Amino acid sequence: MTTPEYSHVVTLAEAGAGKTVTLTADDAARAAIAKRLDLVQFERFEARIEVRGVAGGIGLRGEVQAKLVQSCAATDLPVPATITEGFDLKYLRDLQPDEDGEIEVELGTEDIDILPLEHDRVDLGEVAVQTLSLALDPFPRHPDADRILAEKGVLSEEQAGPFAALAALRGKPKA
């Protein structure tokens, strides 16, 4: 198991009393997280997490906030982003794997994610980084990407897509 870039562990015993934890990543932590998430720049990363004991485990509810820059998927130009993403998780003991070794978890009506509690502890820093990772745009696009690509002769998705040929045939006389 690798050591996370940003770690703040709470134990089941600490969670029982309930508390709020505020995390602010320093320059070194942000640099390590930026490398992991392939970010061009990572200016701010904060998390505010309510930790509470729940039957059989630890409940976490919170929000991550980040200011960062990703690379445009089409042009590699910088794409700034400000992210605010909430989460509501339960880490429970005694989740049993099925015959394939997988732990199947059903989401309830409150849409709370349920995860296995390992060694009676949860790494809040890793929870925050994973929440940010899921909130990132998987295909960030610079506002000028279409114009830049057109100048280089690259066809747009509409021009190159499977329906472009059909659209070109529309209105042509039948042979």
Protein backbone atom coordinates (compact mmCIF):
# COMPACT_ATOMS: atom_id res chain seq x y z
CA MET A 1 0.00 0.00 0.00
CA THR A 2 1.39 3.37 -0.98
CA THR A 3 1.43 6.38 1.29
CA PRO A 4 -1.06 9.05 0.21
CA GLU A 5 0.26 12.47 -0.81
CA TYR A 6 -2.02 14.18 1.68
CA SER A 7 -2.87 12.33 4.87
CA HIS A 8 -4.91 13.09 7.97
CA VAL A 9 -6.10 9.94 9.74
CA VAL A 10 -9.01 9.74 12.17
CA THR A 11 -9.82 6.64 14.17
CA LEU A 12 -13.12 5.10 15.13
CA ALA A 13 -12.48 6.17 18.73
CA GLU A 14 -11.99 9.81 17.68
CA ALA A 15 -15.11 9.76 15.51
CA GLY A 16 -17.34 8.63 18.37
CA ALA A 17 -17.32 12.06 19.99
CA GLY A 18 -17.89 13.80 16.67
CA LYS A 19 -15.80 16.69 15.45
CA THR A 20 -15.22 18.99 12.51
CA VAL A 21 -11.84 18.87 10.79
CA THR A 22 -10.58 21.60 8.47
CA LEU A 23 -7.71 20.65 6.17
CA THR A 24 -5.63 23.07 4.10
CA ALA A 25 -2.96 21.60 1.86
CA ASP A 26 0.44 23.28 1.92
CA ASP A 27 2.64 23.84 -1.15
CA ALA A 28 4.35 20.44 -0.94
CA ALA A 29 1.08 18.54 -0.58
CA ARG A 30 -0.51 20.46 -3.45
CA ALA A 31 2.51 19.75 -5.65
CA ALA A 32 2.26 16.00 -4.93
CA ILE A 33 -1.50 15.96 -5.52
CA ALA A 34 -1.09 17.98 -8.74
CA LYS A 35 1.36 15.37 -10.02
CA ARG A 36 -1.04 12.53 -9.15
CA LEU A 37 -4.05 14.22 -10.77
CA ASP A 38 -2.07 15.63 -13.73
CA LEU A 39 -2.83 19.26 -12.92
CA VAL A 40 -0.89 22.11 -14.52
CA GLN A 41 -1.28 24.33 -11.48
CA PHE A 42 -2.84 23.84 -8.05
CA GLU A 43 -3.30 27.06 -6.09
CA ARG A 44 -5.70 26.10 -3.30
CA PHE A 45 -7.07 22.92 -1.73
CA GLU A 46 -9.20 22.89 1.38
CA ALA A 47 -11.62 20.47 2.97
CA ARG A 48 -14.06 20.86 5.82
CA ILE A 49 -15.24 17.51 7.15
CA GLU A 50 -17.73 16.61 9.86
CA VAL A 51 -16.61 13.32 11.42
CA ARG A 52 -19.12 11.33 13.46
CA GLY A 53 -19.52 7.88 14.84
CA VAL A 54 -22.28 5.82 13.21
CA ALA A 55 -23.48 2.31 13.99
CA GLY A 56 -20.63 0.06 12.91
CA GLY A 57 -18.27 2.75 11.68
CA ILE A 58 -17.46 6.34 10.81
CA GLY A 59 -19.62 8.88 8.99
CA LEU A 60 -18.10 11.74 7.02
CA ARG A 61 -19.91 14.71 5.53
CA GLY A 62 -18.05 17.60 4.02
CA GLU A 63 -16.91 19.67 1.12
CA VAL A 64 -13.68 20.18 -0.78
CA GLN A 65 -12.75 23.45 -2.43
CA ALA A 66 -9.99 23.84 -4.96
CA LYS A 67 -8.56 26.36 -7.38
CA LEU A 68 -6.55 24.70 -10.12
CA VAL A 69 -5.57 24.59 -13.78
CA GLN A 70 -5.95 21.57 -16.07
CA SER A 71 -4.68 21.09 -19.63
CA CYS A 72 -7.19 21.33 -22.48
CA ALA A 73 -7.80 17.83 -23.84
CA ALA A 74 -7.68 19.12 -27.43
CA THR A 75 -5.01 21.85 -27.43
CA ASP A 76 -3.04 21.48 -24.18
CA LEU A 77 -3.86 25.12 -23.34
CA PRO A 78 -4.46 25.94 -19.65
CA VAL A 79 -8.05 25.61 -18.40
CA PRO A 80 -8.59 27.23 -14.98
CA ALA A 81 -11.24 25.78 -12.69
CA THR A 82 -12.70 26.48 -9.28
CA ILE A 83 -14.26 23.40 -7.73
CA THR A 84 -16.59 23.02 -4.78
CA GLU A 85 -17.71 19.43 -4.24
CA GLY A 86 -19.63 17.95 -1.35
CA PHE A 87 -19.61 14.36 -0.13
CA ASP A 88 -21.47 12.18 2.35
CA LEU A 89 -19.79 8.85 3.15
CA LYS A 90 -20.08 6.03 5.64
CA TYR A 91 -17.18 3.71 6.39
CA LEU A 92 -18.52 0.54 8.01
CA ARG A 93 -16.97 -2.50 9.63
CA ASP A 94 -18.08 -5.97 8.66
CA LEU A 95 -18.92 -5.39 5.00
CA GLN A 96 -18.64 -8.88 3.55
CA PRO A 97 -17.27 -9.58 0.06
CA ASP A 98 -19.36 -11.68 -2.34
CA GLU A 99 -18.11 -14.90 -4.01
CA ASP A 100 -16.03 -12.80 -6.46
CA GLY A 101 -14.25 -11.02 -3.62
CA GLU A 102 -16.11 -7.77 -4.35
CA ILE A 103 -17.95 -5.74 -1.75
CA GLU A 104 -21.32 -4.78 -3.16
CA VAL A 105 -22.82 -1.67 -1.66
CA GLU A 106 -26.30 -0.36 -2.33
CA LEU A 107 -26.97 3.36 -2.16
CA GLY A 108 -29.83 4.30 0.08
CA THR A 109 -32.46 6.95 -0.38
CA GLU A 110 -30.13 9.55 1.10
CA ASP A 111 -27.55 8.69 -1.60
CA ILE A 112 -24.79 8.07 0.90
CA ASP A 113 -21.81 6.09 -0.33
CA ILE A 114 -20.89 3.18 1.92
CA LEU A 115 -17.31 1.92 1.99
CA PRO A 116 -15.44 -0.67 4.06
CA LEU A 117 -13.78 0.57 7.25
CA GLU A 118 -10.27 -0.85 7.37
CA HIS A 119 -8.28 -1.02 10.62
CA ASP A 120 -10.86 1.24 12.35
CA ARG A 121 -9.48 4.35 10.66
CA VAL A 122 -10.14 6.66 7.72
CA ASP A 123 -7.68 8.96 5.99
CA LEU A 124 -9.53 12.27 5.60
CA GLY A 125 -6.81 13.65 3.32
CA GLU A 126 -7.22 10.76 0.91
CA VAL A 127 -11.02 11.14 1.04
CA ALA A 128 -10.60 14.81 0.08
CA VAL A 129 -8.19 14.01 -2.79
CA GLN A 130 -10.47 11.28 -4.16
CA THR A 131 -13.47 13.62 -3.96
CA LEU A 132 -11.52 16.23 -5.93
CA SER A 133 -10.42 13.61 -8.45
CA LEU A 134 -14.04 12.64 -9.12
CA ALA A 135 -15.07 16.30 -9.46
CA LEU A 136 -12.43 17.16 -12.10
CA ASP A 137 -13.56 17.61 -15.68
CA PRO A 138 -12.30 14.46 -17.44
CA PHE A 139 -11.99 16.33 -20.77
CA PRO A 140 -11.34 19.98 -20.00
CA ARG A 141 -11.70 22.22 -23.04
CA HIS A 142 -10.25 25.70 -23.53
CA PRO A 143 -12.81 28.24 -24.80
CA ASP A 144 -10.68 28.88 -27.93
CA ALA A 145 -10.07 25.19 -28.70
CA ASP A 146 -12.46 24.97 -31.66
CA ARG A 147 -11.08 28.11 -33.28
CA ILE A 148 -7.45 27.02 -32.80
CA LEU A 149 -8.13 23.56 -34.15
CA ALA A 150 -10.03 24.96 -37.16
CA GLU A 151 -7.07 27.22 -37.96
CA LYS A 152 -4.87 24.10 -38.02
CA GLY A 153 -7.29 22.31 -40.34
CA VAL A 154 -8.67 19.93 -37.75
CA LEU A 155 -12.31 19.06 -38.37
CA SER A 156 -14.85 19.61 -35.62
CA GLU A 157 -16.74 16.67 -34.15
CA GLU A 158 -19.78 17.57 -36.26
CA GLN A 159 -17.69 17.71 -39.44
CA ALA A 160 -15.84 14.46 -38.81
CA GLY A 161 -18.57 12.46 -37.07
CA PRO A 162 -20.53 9.57 -38.54
CA PHE A 163 -23.52 11.75 -39.39
CA ALA A 164 -21.46 14.31 -41.33
CA ALA A 165 -21.49 12.12 -44.46
CA LEU A 166 -25.24 11.63 -44.17
CA ALA A 167 -25.78 15.36 -43.76
CA ALA A 168 -23.72 15.98 -46.90
CA LEU A 169 -26.02 13.65 -48.86
CA ARG A 170 -29.14 15.46 -47.74
CA GLY A 171 -30.61 17.43 -50.60
CA LYS A 172 -28.58 15.68 -53.32
CA PRO A 173 -30.59 14.16 -56.14
CA LYS A 174 -30.92 10.36 -56.12
CA ALA A 175 -29.04 8.51 -58.84
